[in-house]
Amino acid sequence: MTAAVPTLEVERALAARRGGGRRIVVGIDEVGRGALAGPVAVGACALEVVDGVIAPLPEGIRDSKKLTARRREVLVAPILDAVHAGAVGWASAAEIDELGIMPALTRAALRALEALELDGATDAIVLDGDVDVLSPSLAAADRPAPLVHLQVAADRDCASVAAASILAKVARDARMVELDAEAPHYCWAANKGYGSAAHREAIDLQGVHEHHRRSWRLGSRPADPPSAPAVGASSPAIDPAVSDVAPAPPAARPQPAAPQPSAVPPVTSGSMGAGVLWDDQWHPQDGKERR
């Protein structure tokens, strides 16, 4: 199937909403939200719109997921030559663990906007998705906030966002290759930090590295089952009308707990222990998260 060709129609319409003359519209997209390791990257491409006229972007720009790695790399320089400004913002794995993924995305997006060096001249932002992670922070700044336009599949349909997705993807892939040199057994150069079978098996065997998102469920082993009651302990009767789970039986005497195997093996040198928060991150999301 031929990939959809993004256009500048949304960007032109947003500039018109802000009035005539010179306007700046920025397309934003993220890469790495569903990975188990490494930072999240947010690309930003600013376009100058003068009375509805926008300089054309390079031929071949598409949603980064629809392009080969080589084609993405070839497009970076022409994109940066064509746009008014382009940048990538980052939030580290440690920041994701500290803040949560959505606040970390906000931080990375704000860093990308700052790196554009537009001095508050942004009139509108096209944000891929249906969650506005920017407006509250932009409204708190000491200057007029730009209009934030949410659009699902904007990386497919809006050229500025497609260009931003390419910048972010190429930058993050390169970063994961660098990190692979530090810990090659996780195969980050190949899986880019996502939850491939080889990556999860390496976590089982080697433990968790400092660049893993330790608040996410990692590895391939299921969580430990609850301990069985002591042999001979009687269970109280259950009234189905009251509860469908039996309360824990009282022990006749304190019993030392049997050692349980860890879902992730003990950490190795240069590694850290794994957490199991955010169970909804057990599988990376489909589509854009696997890139």
C-alpha atoms as a PDB file:
ATOM      1  CA  MET A   1       0.000   0.000   0.000  1.00  0.00           C
ATOM      2  CA  THR A   2       1.327   3.450  -0.937  1.00  0.00           C
ATOM      3  CA  ALA A   3       1.972   5.723   2.032  1.00  0.00           C
ATOM      4  CA  ALA A   4      -0.234   8.808   2.301  1.00  0.00           C
ATOM      5  CA  VAL A   5       1.378  12.023   1.118  1.00  0.00           C
ATOM      6  CA  PRO A   6       1.238  14.728   3.831  1.00  0.00           C
ATOM      7  CA  THR A   7       0.266  18.255   2.844  1.00  0.00           C
ATOM      8  CA  LEU A   8       0.528  21.770   4.263  1.00  0.00           C
ATOM      9  CA  GLU A   9      -3.228  22.390   4.309  1.00  0.00           C
ATOM     10  CA  VAL A  10      -3.576  22.259   8.105  1.00  0.00           C
ATOM     11  CA  GLU A  11      -0.559  24.503   8.651  1.00  0.00           C
ATOM     12  CA  ARG A  12      -1.884  27.049   6.133  1.00  0.00           C
ATOM     13  CA  ALA A  13      -5.335  27.041   7.742  1.00  0.00           C
ATOM     14  CA  LEU A  14      -3.889  27.570  11.226  1.00  0.00           C
ATOM     15  CA  ALA A  15      -1.815  30.513  10.018  1.00  0.00           C
ATOM     16  CA  ALA A  16      -4.945  32.051   8.470  1.00  0.00           C
ATOM     17  CA  ARG A  17      -6.782  31.705  11.784  1.00  0.00           C
ATOM     18  CA  ARG A  18      -4.089  33.783  13.441  1.00  0.00           C
ATOM     19  CA  GLY A  19      -4.379  36.539  10.834  1.00  0.00           C
ATOM     20  CA  GLY A  20      -2.539  37.700   7.738  1.00  0.00           C
ATOM     21  CA  GLY A  21       1.092  38.612   7.344  1.00  0.00           C
ATOM     22  CA  ARG A  22       3.955  36.509   8.660  1.00  0.00           C
ATOM     23  CA  ARG A  23       3.067  33.563  10.902  1.00  0.00           C
ATOM     24  CA  ILE A  24       5.054  30.684  12.391  1.00  0.00           C
ATOM     25  CA  VAL A  25       3.466  27.225  12.621  1.00  0.00           C
ATOM     26  CA  VAL A  26       5.320  24.379  14.325  1.00  0.00           C
ATOM     27  CA  GLY A  27       4.728  20.660  13.768  1.00  0.00           C
ATOM     28  CA  ILE A  28       5.611  18.366  16.678  1.00  0.00           C
ATOM     29  CA  ASP A  29       5.886  14.585  16.985  1.00  0.00           C
ATOM     30  CA  GLU A  30       7.440  12.173  19.469  1.00  0.00           C
ATOM     31  CA  VAL A  31       9.398   8.953  19.126  1.00  0.00           C
ATOM     32  CA  GLY A  32      10.168   6.364  21.796  1.00  0.00           C
ATOM     33  CA  ARG A  33       7.157   6.617  24.075  1.00  0.00           C
ATOM     34  CA  GLY A  34       6.611   2.845  24.170  1.00  0.00           C
ATOM     35  CA  ALA A  35      10.248   1.761  24.480  1.00  0.00           C
ATOM     36  CA  LEU A  36      11.629  -0.058  27.516  1.00  0.00           C
ATOM     37  CA  ALA A  37      14.951   1.761  27.416  1.00  0.00           C
ATOM     38  CA  GLY A  38      16.413   5.050  26.324  1.00  0.00           C
ATOM     39  CA  PRO A  39      15.014   8.562  26.151  1.00  0.00           C
ATOM     40  CA  VAL A  40      11.892   9.844  24.498  1.00  0.00           C
ATOM     41  CA  ALA A  41      12.587  12.282  21.660  1.00  0.00           C
ATOM     42  CA  VAL A  42      10.307  15.048  20.381  1.00  0.00           C
ATOM     43  CA  GLY A  43      10.936  16.577  16.976  1.00  0.00           C
ATOM     44  CA  ALA A  44       9.802  20.092  16.075  1.00  0.00           C
ATOM     45  CA  CYS A  45       9.735  21.766  12.655  1.00  0.00           C
ATOM     46  CA  ALA A  46       8.820  25.446  12.358  1.00  0.00           C
ATOM     47  CA  LEU A  47       7.393  26.751   9.083  1.00  0.00           C
ATOM     48  CA  GLU A  48       7.164  30.384   8.061  1.00  0.00           C
ATOM     49  CA  VAL A  49       3.813  31.268   6.483  1.00  0.00           C
ATOM     50  CA  VAL A  50       3.572  34.665   4.735  1.00  0.00           C
ATOM     51  CA  ASP A  51       0.037  35.523   3.612  1.00  0.00           C
ATOM     52  CA  GLY A  52      -0.710  31.856   3.105  1.00  0.00           C
ATOM     53  CA  VAL A  53       2.499  31.038   1.221  1.00  0.00           C
ATOM     54  CA  ILE A  54       4.811  28.328   2.640  1.00  0.00           C
ATOM     55  CA  ALA A  55       8.145  27.283   1.160  1.00  0.00           C
ATOM     56  CA  PRO A  56       7.829  23.683  -0.082  1.00  0.00           C
ATOM     57  CA  LEU A  57       9.311  20.851   1.910  1.00  0.00           C
ATOM     58  CA  PRO A  58      11.494  18.178   0.269  1.00  0.00           C
ATOM     59  CA  GLU A  59       9.942  15.483  -1.885  1.00  0.00           C
ATOM     60  CA  GLY A  60       9.515  12.155  -0.167  1.00  0.00           C
ATOM     61  CA  ILE A  61       8.550  13.357   3.312  1.00  0.00           C
ATOM     62  CA  ARG A  62       6.253  10.821   4.919  1.00  0.00           C
ATOM     63  CA  ASP A  63       5.382   9.532   8.357  1.00  0.00           C
ATOM     64  CA  SER A  64       8.743   8.248   9.604  1.00  0.00           C
ATOM     65  CA  LYS A  65       7.292   4.772  10.188  1.00  0.00           C
ATOM     66  CA  LYS A  66       6.672   4.444   6.460  1.00  0.00           C
ATOM     67  CA  LEU A  67      10.275   5.137   5.457  1.00  0.00           C
ATOM     68  CA  THR A  68      13.395   3.005   5.595  1.00  0.00           C
ATOM     69  CA  ALA A  69      16.164   4.025   7.970  1.00  0.00           C
ATOM     70  CA  ARG A  70      18.359   5.055   5.039  1.00  0.00           C
ATOM     71  CA  ARG A  71      15.626   7.191   3.479  1.00  0.00           C
ATOM     72  CA  ARG A  72      14.977   8.946   6.799  1.00  0.00           C
ATOM     73  CA  GLU A  73      18.668   9.740   7.193  1.00  0.00           C
ATOM     74  CA  VAL A  74      18.898  11.156   3.658  1.00  0.00           C
ATOM     75  CA  LEU A  75      15.944  13.476   4.314  1.00  0.00           C
ATOM     76  CA  VAL A  76      17.300  15.130   7.477  1.00  0.00           C
ATOM     77  CA  ALA A  77      19.593  17.677   5.809  1.00  0.00           C
ATOM     78  CA  PRO A  78      17.025  18.733   3.157  1.00  0.00           C
ATOM     79  CA  ILE A  79      14.384  19.136   5.862  1.00  0.00           C
ATOM     80  CA  LEU A  80      16.633  21.379   7.941  1.00  0.00           C
ATOM     81  CA  ASP A  81      17.455  23.425   4.842  1.00  0.00           C
ATOM     82  CA  ALA A  82      13.776  23.883   3.946  1.00  0.00           C
ATOM     83  CA  VAL A  83      12.141  24.651   7.299  1.00  0.00           C
ATOM     84  CA  HIS A  84      12.401  27.915   9.193  1.00  0.00           C
ATOM     85  CA  ALA A  85      13.882  25.981  12.138  1.00  0.00           C
ATOM     86  CA  GLY A  86      14.138  22.363  13.262  1.00  0.00           C
ATOM     87  CA  ALA A  87      15.134  20.756  16.559  1.00  0.00           C
ATOM     88  CA  VAL A  88      14.790  17.694  18.781  1.00  0.00           C
ATOM     89  CA  GLY A  89      14.045  17.778  22.516  1.00  0.00           C
ATOM     90  CA  TRP A  90      14.732  14.947  24.949  1.00  0.00           C
ATOM     91  CA  ALA A  91      13.588  13.453  28.232  1.00  0.00           C
ATOM     92  CA  SER A  92      15.743  10.721  29.731  1.00  0.00           C
ATOM     93  CA  ALA A  93      14.705   7.349  31.084  1.00  0.00           C
ATOM     94  CA  ALA A  94      15.379   8.682  34.588  1.00  0.00           C
ATOM     95  CA  GLU A  95      13.022  11.609  33.968  1.00  0.00           C
ATOM     96  CA  ILE A  96      10.349   9.233  32.680  1.00  0.00           C
ATOM     97  CA  ASP A  97      10.675   7.210  35.886  1.00  0.00           C
ATOM     98  CA  GLU A  98      10.562  10.338  38.027  1.00  0.00           C
ATOM     99  CA  LEU A  99       7.729  12.212  36.300  1.00  0.00           C
ATOM    100  CA  GLY A 100       5.694   9.649  34.344  1.00  0.00           C
ATOM    101  CA  ILE A 101       5.595   9.363  30.576  1.00  0.00           C
ATOM    102  CA  MET A 102       3.164  12.195  29.806  1.00  0.00           C
ATOM    103  CA  PRO A 103       4.933  14.874  31.899  1.00  0.00           C
ATOM    104  CA  ALA A 104       8.223  13.664  30.406  1.00  0.00           C
ATOM    105  CA  LEU A 105       6.773  14.132  26.916  1.00  0.00           C
ATOM    106  CA  THR A 106       5.770  17.653  27.888  1.00  0.00           C
ATOM    107  CA  ARG A 107       9.293  18.381  29.104  1.00  0.00           C
ATOM    108  CA  ALA A 108      10.839  17.040  25.894  1.00  0.00           C
ATOM    109  CA  ALA A 109       8.408  19.029  23.733  1.00  0.00           C
ATOM    110  CA  LEU A 110       9.143  22.254  25.614  1.00  0.00           C
ATOM    111  CA  ARG A 111      12.852  21.633  25.174  1.00  0.00           C
ATOM    112  CA  ALA A 112      12.332  21.130  21.432  1.00  0.00           C
ATOM    113  CA  LEU A 113      10.397  24.399  21.202  1.00  0.00           C
ATOM    114  CA  GLU A 114      13.096  26.211  23.140  1.00  0.00           C
ATOM    115  CA  ALA A 115      15.790  24.779  20.846  1.00  0.00           C
ATOM    116  CA  LEU A 116      13.987  26.304  17.834  1.00  0.00           C
ATOM    117  CA  GLU A 117      15.015  29.722  19.232  1.00  0.00           C
ATOM    118  CA  LEU A 118      11.882  31.474  17.992  1.00  0.00           C
ATOM    119  CA  ASP A 119      11.748  33.921  20.928  1.00  0.00           C
ATOM    120  CA  GLY A 120       8.047  33.381  21.505  1.00  0.00           C
ATOM    121  CA  ALA A 121       7.098  34.047  17.891  1.00  0.00           C
ATOM    122  CA  THR A 122       5.167  30.791  17.463  1.00  0.00           C
ATOM    123  CA  ASP A 123       1.572  31.369  16.369  1.00  0.00           C
ATOM    124  CA  ALA A 124       0.304  27.776  16.212  1.00  0.00           C
ATOM    125  CA  ILE A 125       1.440  24.232  16.946  1.00  0.00           C
ATOM    126  CA  VAL A 126       0.262  21.047  15.243  1.00  0.00           C
ATOM    127  CA  LEU A 127       0.537  18.231  17.789  1.00  0.00           C
ATOM    128  CA  ASP A 128       0.218  14.623  16.702  1.00  0.00           C
ATOM    129  CA  GLY A 129      -2.340  12.698  18.767  1.00  0.00           C
ATOM    130  CA  ASP A 130      -5.382  13.508  20.865  1.00  0.00           C
ATOM    131  CA  VAL A 131      -3.775  14.548  24.174  1.00  0.00           C
ATOM    132  CA  ASP A 132      -2.675  18.146  24.656  1.00  0.00           C
ATOM    133  CA  VAL A 133       0.507  17.914  26.711  1.00  0.00           C
ATOM    134  CA  LEU A 134       1.538  21.486  25.926  1.00  0.00           C
ATOM    135  CA  SER A 135      -1.193  24.078  26.491  1.00  0.00           C
ATOM    136  CA  PRO A 136      -1.065  24.194  30.333  1.00  0.00           C
ATOM    137  CA  SER A 137       2.696  24.789  30.318  1.00  0.00           C
ATOM    138  CA  LEU A 138       2.570  27.280  27.447  1.00  0.00           C
ATOM    139  CA  ALA A 139      -0.233  29.212  29.134  1.00  0.00           C
ATOM    140  CA  ALA A 140       1.910  29.579  32.250  1.00  0.00           C
ATOM    141  CA  ALA A 141       4.695  31.310  30.311  1.00  0.00           C
ATOM    142  CA  ASP A 142       5.057  35.087  30.467  1.00  0.00           C
ATOM    143  CA  ARG A 143       4.061  35.601  26.831  1.00  0.00           C
ATOM    144  CA  PRO A 144       0.978  34.893  24.685  1.00  0.00           C
ATOM    145  CA  ALA A 145       0.443  31.163  24.197  1.00  0.00           C
ATOM    146  CA  PRO A 146       0.265  29.761  20.676  1.00  0.00           C
ATOM    147  CA  LEU A 147      -2.786  27.926  19.417  1.00  0.00           C
ATOM    148  CA  VAL A 148      -2.328  24.162  19.910  1.00  0.00           C
ATOM    149  CA  HIS A 149      -4.095  22.053  17.300  1.00  0.00           C
ATOM    150  CA  LEU A 150      -4.460  18.318  18.042  1.00  0.00           C
ATOM    151  CA  GLN A 151      -4.731  15.934  15.122  1.00  0.00           C
ATOM    152  CA  VAL A 152      -4.677  12.150  15.197  1.00  0.00           C
ATOM    153  CA  ALA A 153      -2.321  10.786  12.519  1.00  0.00           C
ATOM    154  CA  ALA A 154      -0.848  14.220  11.941  1.00  0.00           C
ATOM    155  CA  ASP A 155       2.468  12.512  11.150  1.00  0.00           C
ATOM    156  CA  ARG A 156       0.667  10.949   8.191  1.00  0.00           C
ATOM    157  CA  ASP A 157      -1.328  13.977   7.019  1.00  0.00           C
ATOM    158  CA  CYS A 158       0.588  17.145   8.000  1.00  0.00           C
ATOM    159  CA  ALA A 159       3.940  17.787   6.346  1.00  0.00           C
ATOM    160  CA  SER A 160       5.428  19.736   9.258  1.00  0.00           C
ATOM    161  CA  VAL A 161       4.651  16.895  11.665  1.00  0.00           C
ATOM    162  CA  ALA A 162       5.922  14.231   9.259  1.00  0.00           C
ATOM    163  CA  ALA A 163       9.179  16.191   8.964  1.00  0.00           C
ATOM    164  CA  ALA A 164       9.379  16.461  12.770  1.00  0.00           C
ATOM    165  CA  SER A 165       8.834  12.709  13.098  1.00  0.00           C
ATOM    166  CA  ILE A 166      11.790  12.076  10.778  1.00  0.00           C
ATOM    167  CA  LEU A 167      14.107  14.372  12.752  1.00  0.00           C
ATOM    168  CA  ALA A 168      13.108  12.729  16.037  1.00  0.00           C
ATOM    169  CA  LYS A 169      13.373   9.182  14.717  1.00  0.00           C
ATOM    170  CA  VAL A 170      16.811   9.618  13.169  1.00  0.00           C
ATOM    171  CA  ALA A 171      18.150  11.386  16.275  1.00  0.00           C
ATOM    172  CA  ARG A 172      16.778   8.798  18.690  1.00  0.00           C
ATOM    173  CA  ASP A 173      17.960   5.833  16.606  1.00  0.00           C
ATOM    174  CA  ALA A 174      21.462   7.310  16.587  1.00  0.00           C
ATOM    175  CA  ARG A 175      21.321   7.770  20.351  1.00  0.00           C
ATOM    176  CA  MET A 176      20.303   4.140  20.882  1.00  0.00           C
ATOM    177  CA  VAL A 177      23.237   2.983  18.731  1.00  0.00           C
ATOM    178  CA  GLU A 178      25.518   5.023  21.005  1.00  0.00           C
ATOM    179  CA  LEU A 179      23.979   3.452  24.106  1.00  0.00           C
ATOM    180  CA  ASP A 180      24.363  -0.005  22.550  1.00  0.00           C
ATOM    181  CA  ALA A 181      28.123   0.451  22.743  1.00  0.00           C
ATOM    182  CA  GLU A 182      27.781   0.740  26.529  1.00  0.00           C
ATOM    183  CA  ALA A 183      25.650  -2.392  26.917  1.00  0.00           C
ATOM    184  CA  PRO A 184      25.692  -4.489  23.721  1.00  0.00           C
ATOM    185  CA  HIS A 185      23.947  -7.510  25.245  1.00  0.00           C
ATOM    186  CA  TYR A 186      20.586  -5.636  25.137  1.00  0.00           C
ATOM    187  CA  CYS A 187      20.813  -5.282  21.315  1.00  0.00           C
ATOM    188  CA  TRP A 188      19.724  -1.621  21.428  1.00  0.00           C
ATOM    189  CA  ALA A 189      21.331  -0.902  18.053  1.00  0.00           C
ATOM    190  CA  ALA A 190      18.792  -3.289  16.517  1.00  0.00           C
ATOM    191  CA  ASN A 191      15.682  -2.943  18.714  1.00  0.00           C
ATOM    192  CA  LYS A 192      16.155   0.770  19.577  1.00  0.00           C
ATOM    193  CA  GLY A 193      15.100   0.058  23.163  1.00  0.00           C
ATOM    194  CA  TYR A 194      11.745  -1.518  22.332  1.00  0.00           C
ATOM    195  CA  GLY A 195      10.560  -4.776  23.872  1.00  0.00           C
ATOM    196  CA  SER A 196      11.876  -7.347  21.417  1.00  0.00           C
ATOM    197  CA  ALA A 197      12.268 -10.935  22.594  1.00  0.00           C
ATOM    198  CA  ALA A 198      16.062 -10.609  22.593  1.00  0.00           C
ATOM    199  CA  HIS A 199      15.866  -7.413  24.645  1.00  0.00           C
ATOM    200  CA  ARG A 200      13.572  -8.925  27.283  1.00  0.00           C
ATOM    201  CA  GLU A 201      15.656 -12.098  27.496  1.00  0.00           C
ATOM    202  CA  ALA A 202      18.786 -10.007  28.029  1.00  0.00           C
ATOM    203  CA  ILE A 203      17.045  -8.203  30.892  1.00  0.00           C
ATOM    204  CA  ASP A 204      16.224 -11.592  32.430  1.00  0.00           C
ATOM    205  CA  LEU A 205      19.863 -12.650  32.192  1.00  0.00           C
ATOM    206  CA  GLN A 206      21.791  -9.433  32.765  1.00  0.00           C
ATOM    207  CA  GLY A 207      19.525  -7.335  34.956  1.00  0.00           C
ATOM    208  CA  VAL A 208      18.486  -3.749  34.332  1.00  0.00           C
ATOM    209  CA  HIS A 209      20.755  -1.029  32.998  1.00  0.00           C
ATOM    210  CA  GLU A 210      20.675   2.612  34.090  1.00  0.00           C
ATOM    211  CA  HIS A 211      19.116   3.539  30.729  1.00  0.00           C
ATOM    212  CA  HIS A 212      16.124   1.243  31.272  1.00  0.00           C
ATOM    213  CA  ARG A 213      12.834   2.736  32.420  1.00  0.00           C
ATOM    214  CA  ARG A 214      12.867   0.992  35.763  1.00  0.00           C
ATOM    215  CA  SER A 215       9.286   1.956  36.671  1.00  0.00           C
ATOM    216  CA  TRP A 216       8.013  -0.092  33.704  1.00  0.00           C
ATOM    217  CA  ARG A 217       7.493  -3.844  33.641  1.00  0.00           C
ATOM    218  CA  LEU A 218      10.653  -5.280  32.128  1.00  0.00           C
ATOM    219  CA  GLY A 219      11.910  -8.742  31.213  1.00  0.00           C
ATOM    220  CA  SER A 220       9.901 -11.681  29.942  1.00  0.00           C
ATOM    221  CA  ARG A 221       9.085 -13.532  33.164  1.00  0.00           C
ATOM    222  CA  PRO A 222       5.625 -13.127  34.707  1.00  0.00           C
ATOM    223  CA  ALA A 223       5.232 -11.564  38.122  1.00  0.00           C
ATOM    224  CA  ASP A 224       5.635 -13.881  41.103  1.00  0.00           C
ATOM    225  CA  PRO A 225       2.421 -15.688  42.143  1.00  0.00           C
ATOM    226  CA  PRO A 226       1.159 -15.151  45.708  1.00  0.00           C
ATOM    227  CA  SER A 227       2.604 -17.510  48.302  1.00  0.00           C
ATOM    228  CA  ALA A 228       0.497 -20.577  49.153  1.00  0.00           C
ATOM    229  CA  PRO A 229      -0.849 -20.882  52.711  1.00  0.00           C
ATOM    230  CA  ALA A 230       1.048 -23.094  55.136  1.00  0.00           C
ATOM    231  CA  VAL A 231       0.206 -26.793  54.973  1.00  0.00           C
ATOM    232  CA  GLY A 232      -2.452 -27.716  57.484  1.00  0.00           C
ATOM    233  CA  ALA A 233      -3.788 -24.215  57.891  1.00  0.00           C
ATOM    234  CA  SER A 234      -7.569 -24.133  57.801  1.00  0.00           C
ATOM    235  CA  SER A 235      -9.424 -21.656  55.639  1.00  0.00           C
ATOM    236  CA  PRO A 236     -12.548 -19.946  56.987  1.00  0.00           C
ATOM    237  CA  ALA A 237     -15.813 -20.441  55.154  1.00  0.00           C
ATOM    238  CA  ILE A 238     -16.653 -17.913  52.449  1.00  0.00           C
ATOM    239  CA  ASP A 239     -20.041 -16.294  52.151  1.00  0.00           C
ATOM    240  CA  PRO A 240     -20.499 -15.723  48.377  1.00  0.00           C
ATOM    241  CA  ALA A 241     -22.917 -12.895  49.083  1.00  0.00           C
ATOM    242  CA  VAL A 242     -20.201 -11.024  50.920  1.00  0.00           C
ATOM    243  CA  SER A 243     -16.932 -11.758  49.154  1.00  0.00           C
ATOM    244  CA  ASP A 244     -15.507 -13.792  46.308  1.00  0.00           C
ATOM    245  CA  VAL A 245     -11.996 -13.794  47.777  1.00  0.00           C
ATOM    246  CA  ALA A 246     -11.075 -15.664  50.921  1.00  0.00           C
ATOM    247  CA  PRO A 247      -9.363 -13.646  53.633  1.00  0.00           C
ATOM    248  CA  ALA A 248      -5.860 -14.761  54.531  1.00  0.00           C
ATOM    249  CA  PRO A 249      -5.974 -17.577  57.145  1.00  0.00           C
ATOM    250  CA  PRO A 250      -4.397 -16.826  60.533  1.00  0.00           C
ATOM    251  CA  ALA A 251      -1.116 -18.614  61.055  1.00  0.00           C
ATOM    252  CA  ALA A 252      -0.659 -20.802  64.120  1.00  0.00           C
ATOM    253  CA  ARG A 253       2.773 -19.288  64.596  1.00  0.00           C
ATOM    254  CA  PRO A 254       4.913 -16.901  62.610  1.00  0.00           C
ATOM    255  CA  GLN A 255       6.560 -18.684  59.683  1.00  0.00           C
ATOM    256  CA  PRO A 256       9.546 -17.317  57.789  1.00  0.00           C
ATOM    257  CA  ALA A 257       8.575 -16.525  54.212  1.00  0.00           C
ATOM    258  CA  ALA A 258      10.027 -18.835  51.601  1.00  0.00           C
ATOM    259  CA  PRO A 259      12.389 -17.040  49.239  1.00  0.00           C
ATOM    260  CA  GLN A 260      10.708 -16.155  45.958  1.00  0.00           C
ATOM    261  CA  PRO A 261      12.489 -15.829  42.600  1.00  0.00           C
ATOM    262  CA  SER A 262      12.707 -12.299  41.286  1.00  0.00           C
ATOM    263  CA  ALA A 263      10.914 -11.351  38.057  1.00  0.00           C
ATOM    264  CA  VAL A 264      14.194  -9.714  37.030  1.00  0.00           C
ATOM    265  CA  PRO A 265      17.503 -11.252  38.141  1.00  0.00           C
ATOM    266  CA  PRO A 266      19.797  -9.486  40.564  1.00  0.00           C
ATOM    267  CA  VAL A 267      21.485  -6.479  39.078  1.00  0.00           C
ATOM    268  CA  THR A 268      24.931  -6.834  37.598  1.00  0.00           C
ATOM    269  CA  SER A 269      27.774  -4.343  37.700  1.00  0.00           C
ATOM    270  CA  GLY A 270      26.570  -1.122  36.107  1.00  0.00           C
ATOM    271  CA  SER A 271      22.932  -2.189  36.397  1.00  0.00           C
ATOM    272  CA  MET A 272      19.980  -1.315  38.634  1.00  0.00           C
ATOM    273  CA  GLY A 273      17.003  -3.190  40.031  1.00  0.00           C
ATOM    274  CA  ALA A 274      13.772  -3.246  38.046  1.00  0.00           C
ATOM    275  CA  GLY A 275      10.381  -1.987  39.150  1.00  0.00           C
ATOM    276  CA  VAL A 276       6.988  -3.199  37.997  1.00  0.00           C
ATOM    277  CA  LEU A 277       4.860  -0.061  38.049  1.00  0.00           C
ATOM    278  CA  TRP A 278       2.736   1.016  35.098  1.00  0.00           C
ATOM    279  CA  ASP A 279       1.556  -2.459  34.132  1.00  0.00           C
ATOM    280  CA  ASP A 280      -0.179  -0.964  31.099  1.00  0.00           C
ATOM    281  CA  GLN A 281       3.293  -0.609  29.584  1.00  0.00           C
ATOM    282  CA  TRP A 282       3.858  -4.395  29.546  1.00  0.00           C
ATOM    283  CA  HIS A 283       3.434  -4.325  25.764  1.00  0.00           C
ATOM    284  CA  PRO A 284       4.497  -1.330  23.682  1.00  0.00           C
ATOM    285  CA  GLN A 285       1.492   0.215  22.017  1.00  0.00           C
ATOM    286  CA  ASP A 286       0.814  -0.697  18.436  1.00  0.00           C
ATOM    287  CA  GLY A 287       1.493   1.535  15.476  1.00  0.00           C
ATOM    288  CA  LYS A 288       3.525   4.620  16.214  1.00  0.00           C
ATOM    289  CA  GLU A 289       5.002   3.256  19.445  1.00  0.00           C
ATOM    290  CA  ARG A 290       6.958   0.559  17.601  1.00  0.00           C
ATOM    291  CA  ARG A 291       9.297   2.876  15.804  1.00  0.00           C
END
